[in-house]
Amino acid sequence: MAKNSNSKAKPVKRDEPMNSAMKLFLAGCVAELYLLVIRRCYANGTAQQQIDWYDKYLNILMGAGAAVFAVGVILSLLWKADRKKRAAGWSVTAAGAFVALSSFLIRWNVGTLTLLTVAVPVAMLLGVLWSLYDRECALSLTILGVSLIALWVCRREAGSIYLGTYVKLAAGAYIILLAVVAFLTKSGRLGKLLPPKADPLPVYVACGLSAAAVAAALFSTVIAYYTMWALGMVVFGLAVYYTVKQL
């Protein structure tokens, strides 16, 4: 009897990463659909639709998202003893935070809608990576994915009169953060993000390439454009390599 019970438990354990990946994929699809609806009705809508969304609907969505966020936090605290219920509570919390924050950012500056429509699929793919792939693979591709978004922002806003200074300061802070991640990797202080047995070389490469690309992008939007494509090819190559290795 014990042998049969063990044989039944192992497939369930192996299925957990795939289930997590599917949940993240579906959540990303729903979030992207939400942003596309806003783009259709607000950014690309008629003048009256834009006024209505700016004055009314986005405010309603911000309030509704904040309420859902509060409910999710309360449920997570109430269900902290139950792992599955606690995870559901945090899922509700994350959904509310996304709706409230995205609505606020879009109302503040409609240009952030484009950034969000790019960031959501990237975050979704990275979540799938963290669920299915080795830690050094997931961490290195996460760093490169975030760096691609940073390069895109630098290309769009680094030369802006209003936001250029803030973007350059944020880019400098990101380069410092990459250096900190590389140092923590070398000293073995990343904990669960990178276990001691994991290969640190991909993380070093990702931090180095990302720092060089972001630093170069600050000099010119043309440089930012080409470094973004070059880093994108690196990400694609690494993703293919890790996929073959994982199989």
Protein backbone atom coordinates (compact mmCIF):
# COMPACT_ATOMS: atom_id res chain seq x y z
CA MET A 1 0.00 0.00 0.00
CA ALA A 2 2.82 2.41 0.86
CA LYS A 3 4.46 1.83 -2.53
CA ASN A 4 1.25 2.66 -4.39
CA SER A 5 0.68 5.82 -2.37
CA ASN A 6 4.20 7.07 -3.13
CA SER A 7 3.80 6.39 -6.80
CA LYS A 8 0.65 8.48 -6.84
CA ALA A 9 2.21 11.39 -4.97
CA LYS A 10 5.15 11.91 -7.35
CA PRO A 11 3.18 12.89 -10.48
CA VAL A 12 1.25 15.46 -8.44
CA LYS A 13 4.53 17.02 -7.31
CA ARG A 14 5.82 17.12 -10.87
CA ASP A 15 2.59 18.70 -12.07
CA GLU A 16 2.83 21.65 -9.64
CA PRO A 17 5.32 23.71 -11.72
CA MET A 18 3.22 23.21 -14.86
CA ASN A 19 0.05 24.22 -13.03
CA SER A 20 1.75 27.36 -11.75
CA ALA A 21 2.99 28.18 -15.24
CA MET A 22 -0.50 27.78 -16.72
CA LYS A 23 -2.02 30.02 -14.04
CA LEU A 24 0.56 32.71 -14.73
CA PHE A 25 -0.04 32.39 -18.47
CA LEU A 26 -3.81 32.80 -18.07
CA ALA A 27 -3.36 35.73 -15.67
CA GLY A 28 -1.07 37.43 -18.17
CA CYS A 29 -3.58 36.93 -20.98
CA VAL A 30 -6.40 38.44 -18.89
CA ALA A 31 -4.20 41.42 -17.90
CA GLU A 32 -3.20 42.03 -21.52
CA LEU A 33 -6.84 41.83 -22.63
CA TYR A 34 -7.73 44.41 -19.96
CA LEU A 35 -5.07 46.77 -21.33
CA LEU A 36 -6.21 46.23 -24.92
CA VAL A 37 -9.78 47.13 -23.97
CA ILE A 38 -8.55 50.37 -22.41
CA ARG A 39 -6.48 51.09 -25.52
CA ARG A 40 -9.48 50.49 -27.77
CA CYS A 41 -11.93 52.57 -25.72
CA TYR A 42 -9.62 55.26 -24.36
CA ALA A 43 -6.36 55.75 -26.25
CA ASN A 44 -7.87 55.00 -29.68
CA GLY A 45 -11.44 56.08 -28.89
CA THR A 46 -13.35 59.15 -29.91
CA ALA A 47 -12.86 62.49 -28.18
CA GLN A 48 -15.98 61.92 -26.05
CA GLN A 49 -14.85 58.41 -25.09
CA GLN A 50 -11.46 59.76 -24.03
CA ILE A 51 -13.09 62.41 -21.85
CA ASP A 52 -15.45 59.87 -20.27
CA TRP A 53 -12.65 57.42 -19.52
CA TYR A 54 -10.37 60.12 -18.12
CA ASP A 55 -13.03 61.71 -15.91
CA LYS A 56 -15.06 58.66 -14.92
CA TYR A 57 -14.13 55.10 -15.84
CA LEU A 58 -10.46 55.16 -14.90
CA ASN A 59 -11.37 56.62 -11.50
CA ILE A 60 -13.92 53.84 -11.00
CA LEU A 61 -11.34 51.22 -11.95
CA MET A 62 -8.82 52.73 -9.54
CA GLY A 63 -11.36 52.56 -6.71
CA ALA A 64 -12.47 49.04 -7.60
CA GLY A 65 -8.86 47.85 -7.82
CA ALA A 66 -8.03 49.38 -4.45
CA ALA A 67 -11.07 47.68 -2.89
CA VAL A 68 -10.12 44.30 -4.37
CA PHE A 69 -6.56 44.82 -3.14
CA ALA A 70 -7.79 45.47 0.41
CA VAL A 71 -10.04 42.40 0.32
CA GLY A 72 -7.15 40.26 -0.92
CA VAL A 73 -4.87 41.42 1.89
CA ILE A 74 -7.54 40.68 4.50
CA LEU A 75 -8.23 37.22 3.05
CA SER A 76 -4.52 36.42 2.89
CA LEU A 77 -4.12 37.30 6.57
CA LEU A 78 -7.21 35.33 7.55
CA TRP A 79 -6.11 32.30 5.54
CA LYS A 80 -2.42 32.39 6.47
CA ALA A 81 -2.66 28.92 8.07
CA ASP A 82 -3.94 27.34 4.83
CA ARG A 83 -1.37 27.38 2.01
CA LYS A 84 -3.84 27.03 -0.89
CA LYS A 85 -6.29 29.60 0.45
CA ARG A 86 -3.44 31.99 1.26
CA ALA A 87 -2.20 31.71 -2.33
CA ALA A 88 -5.71 32.52 -3.59
CA GLY A 89 -5.81 35.55 -1.31
CA TRP A 90 -2.51 36.85 -2.64
CA SER A 91 -3.75 36.29 -6.19
CA VAL A 92 -6.74 38.53 -5.45
CA THR A 93 -4.36 41.07 -3.91
CA ALA A 94 -2.15 41.08 -7.00
CA ALA A 95 -5.16 41.48 -9.33
CA GLY A 96 -6.47 44.45 -7.36
CA ALA A 97 -3.04 46.08 -7.25
CA PHE A 98 -2.62 45.66 -11.01
CA VAL A 99 -6.01 47.19 -11.85
CA ALA A 100 -5.58 50.13 -9.45
CA LEU A 101 -1.96 50.90 -10.35
CA SER A 102 -2.36 50.50 -14.11
CA SER A 103 -5.47 52.70 -14.14
CA PHE A 104 -3.64 55.36 -12.14
CA LEU A 105 -0.60 55.30 -14.43
CA ILE A 106 -2.72 55.43 -17.59
CA ARG A 107 -4.72 58.36 -16.26
CA TRP A 108 -1.50 60.12 -15.23
CA ASN A 109 0.14 59.60 -18.63
CA VAL A 110 -1.51 57.68 -21.45
CA GLY A 111 1.95 56.83 -22.80
CA THR A 112 2.40 54.34 -19.96
CA LEU A 113 -0.29 52.19 -21.61
CA THR A 114 2.19 51.15 -24.30
CA LEU A 115 4.79 50.34 -21.66
CA LEU A 116 2.30 48.22 -19.73
CA THR A 117 1.21 46.30 -22.83
CA VAL A 118 4.86 45.35 -23.34
CA ALA A 119 5.68 44.72 -19.67
CA VAL A 120 2.74 42.35 -19.04
CA PRO A 121 3.72 39.70 -21.64
CA VAL A 122 7.35 39.95 -20.53
CA ALA A 123 6.34 39.44 -16.90
CA MET A 124 4.10 36.54 -17.91
CA LEU A 125 6.91 34.79 -19.79
CA LEU A 126 9.34 35.36 -16.92
CA GLY A 127 6.82 33.88 -14.50
CA VAL A 128 6.57 30.80 -16.68
CA LEU A 129 10.38 30.60 -16.72
CA TRP A 130 10.59 30.75 -12.93
CA SER A 131 8.03 27.97 -12.71
CA LEU A 132 9.62 25.56 -15.16
CA TYR A 133 13.31 26.33 -15.60
CA ASP A 134 16.47 26.21 -13.48
CA ARG A 135 17.17 29.17 -11.23
CA GLU A 136 20.26 30.44 -13.09
CA CYS A 137 18.28 30.35 -16.33
CA ALA A 138 15.28 32.15 -14.86
CA LEU A 139 17.36 34.79 -13.07
CA SER A 140 19.58 35.58 -16.06
CA LEU A 141 16.63 35.84 -18.46
CA THR A 142 14.76 37.97 -15.94
CA ILE A 143 17.67 40.42 -15.78
CA LEU A 144 17.88 40.54 -19.58
CA GLY A 145 14.10 40.94 -19.92
CA VAL A 146 13.99 43.86 -17.48
CA SER A 147 16.96 45.37 -19.30
CA LEU A 148 15.07 45.22 -22.60
CA ILE A 149 12.24 47.21 -21.03
CA ALA A 150 14.78 49.68 -19.62
CA LEU A 151 16.29 50.11 -23.09
CA TRP A 152 12.86 50.66 -24.59
CA VAL A 153 12.12 53.36 -22.02
CA CYS A 154 15.51 55.00 -22.63
CA ARG A 155 14.86 55.04 -26.38
CA ARG A 156 11.43 56.58 -25.93
CA GLU A 157 11.95 59.04 -23.09
CA ALA A 158 15.67 59.65 -22.49
CA GLY A 159 15.57 62.69 -24.80
CA SER A 160 12.29 64.02 -23.39
CA ILE A 161 12.30 67.50 -21.88
CA TYR A 162 9.94 66.45 -19.09
CA LEU A 163 10.99 62.89 -18.29
CA GLY A 164 14.52 62.66 -19.67
CA THR A 165 16.28 63.50 -16.40
CA TYR A 166 14.17 61.02 -14.41
CA VAL A 167 14.79 58.28 -16.97
CA LYS A 168 18.56 58.84 -16.85
CA LEU A 169 18.55 58.77 -13.05
CA ALA A 170 16.50 55.57 -13.08
CA ALA A 171 18.89 54.04 -15.63
CA GLY A 172 21.87 54.91 -13.42
CA ALA A 173 20.13 53.36 -10.40
CA TYR A 174 19.42 50.23 -12.46
CA ILE A 175 23.10 49.89 -13.42
CA ILE A 176 24.02 50.11 -9.72
CA LEU A 177 21.39 47.47 -8.96
CA LEU A 178 22.94 45.17 -11.57
CA ALA A 179 26.32 45.60 -9.88
CA VAL A 180 24.74 44.73 -6.53
CA VAL A 181 23.15 41.58 -8.01
CA ALA A 182 26.50 40.51 -9.45
CA PHE A 183 28.19 41.09 -6.08
CA LEU A 184 25.51 39.13 -4.22
CA THR A 185 25.85 36.33 -6.76
CA LYS A 186 29.60 36.16 -6.19
CA SER A 187 29.19 36.14 -2.41
CA GLY A 188 26.37 33.56 -2.58
CA ARG A 189 23.83 35.75 -0.80
CA LEU A 190 20.90 35.49 -3.19
CA GLY A 191 19.35 32.65 -1.21
CA LYS A 192 16.50 30.91 -3.04
CA LEU A 193 16.94 33.12 -6.11
CA LEU A 194 20.21 31.33 -6.88
CA PRO A 195 21.03 28.22 -4.82
CA PRO A 196 24.71 27.50 -4.06
CA LYS A 197 24.81 24.60 -6.54
CA ALA A 198 23.59 26.78 -9.43
CA ASP A 199 25.97 28.03 -12.11
CA PRO A 200 26.60 31.78 -11.54
CA LEU A 201 28.16 32.43 -14.97
CA PRO A 202 24.85 33.17 -16.81
CA VAL A 203 23.96 35.73 -14.11
CA TYR A 204 27.35 37.45 -14.46
CA VAL A 205 26.94 37.58 -18.24
CA ALA A 206 23.39 38.93 -17.98
CA CYS A 207 24.41 41.66 -15.51
CA GLY A 208 27.44 42.67 -17.58
CA LEU A 209 25.63 42.81 -20.91
CA SER A 210 22.66 44.64 -19.38
CA ALA A 211 24.82 47.25 -17.65
CA ALA A 212 26.82 47.91 -20.82
CA ALA A 213 23.68 48.14 -22.97
CA VAL A 214 21.84 50.54 -20.64
CA ALA A 215 24.93 52.73 -20.20
CA ALA A 216 25.39 52.94 -23.99
CA ALA A 217 21.69 53.74 -24.49
CA LEU A 218 22.03 56.91 -22.40
CA PHE A 219 24.23 58.52 -25.05
CA SER A 220 21.84 58.25 -27.99
CA THR A 221 18.37 56.97 -28.86
CA VAL A 222 19.88 55.40 -32.00
CA ILE A 223 22.34 53.43 -29.86
CA ALA A 224 19.45 52.44 -27.59
CA TYR A 225 17.54 51.10 -30.60
CA TYR A 226 20.37 48.88 -31.85
CA THR A 227 21.43 47.69 -28.39
CA MET A 228 17.80 46.77 -27.71
CA TRP A 229 17.75 44.54 -30.79
CA ALA A 230 21.15 43.06 -29.98
CA LEU A 231 20.10 42.24 -26.43
CA GLY A 232 16.84 40.81 -27.77
CA MET A 233 18.80 38.37 -29.95
CA VAL A 234 20.85 37.37 -26.91
CA VAL A 235 17.65 36.71 -24.97
CA PHE A 236 16.24 34.63 -27.83
CA GLY A 237 19.46 32.61 -28.14
CA LEU A 238 19.63 31.93 -24.40
CA ALA A 239 15.95 30.99 -24.29
CA VAL A 240 16.44 28.45 -27.09
CA TYR A 241 19.59 27.07 -25.44
CA TYR A 242 17.94 26.67 -22.03
CA THR A 243 14.83 25.13 -23.58
CA VAL A 244 16.90 22.49 -25.37
CA LYS A 245 18.94 21.91 -22.22
CA GLN A 246 15.80 21.56 -20.11
CA LEU A 247 14.32 19.03 -22.52
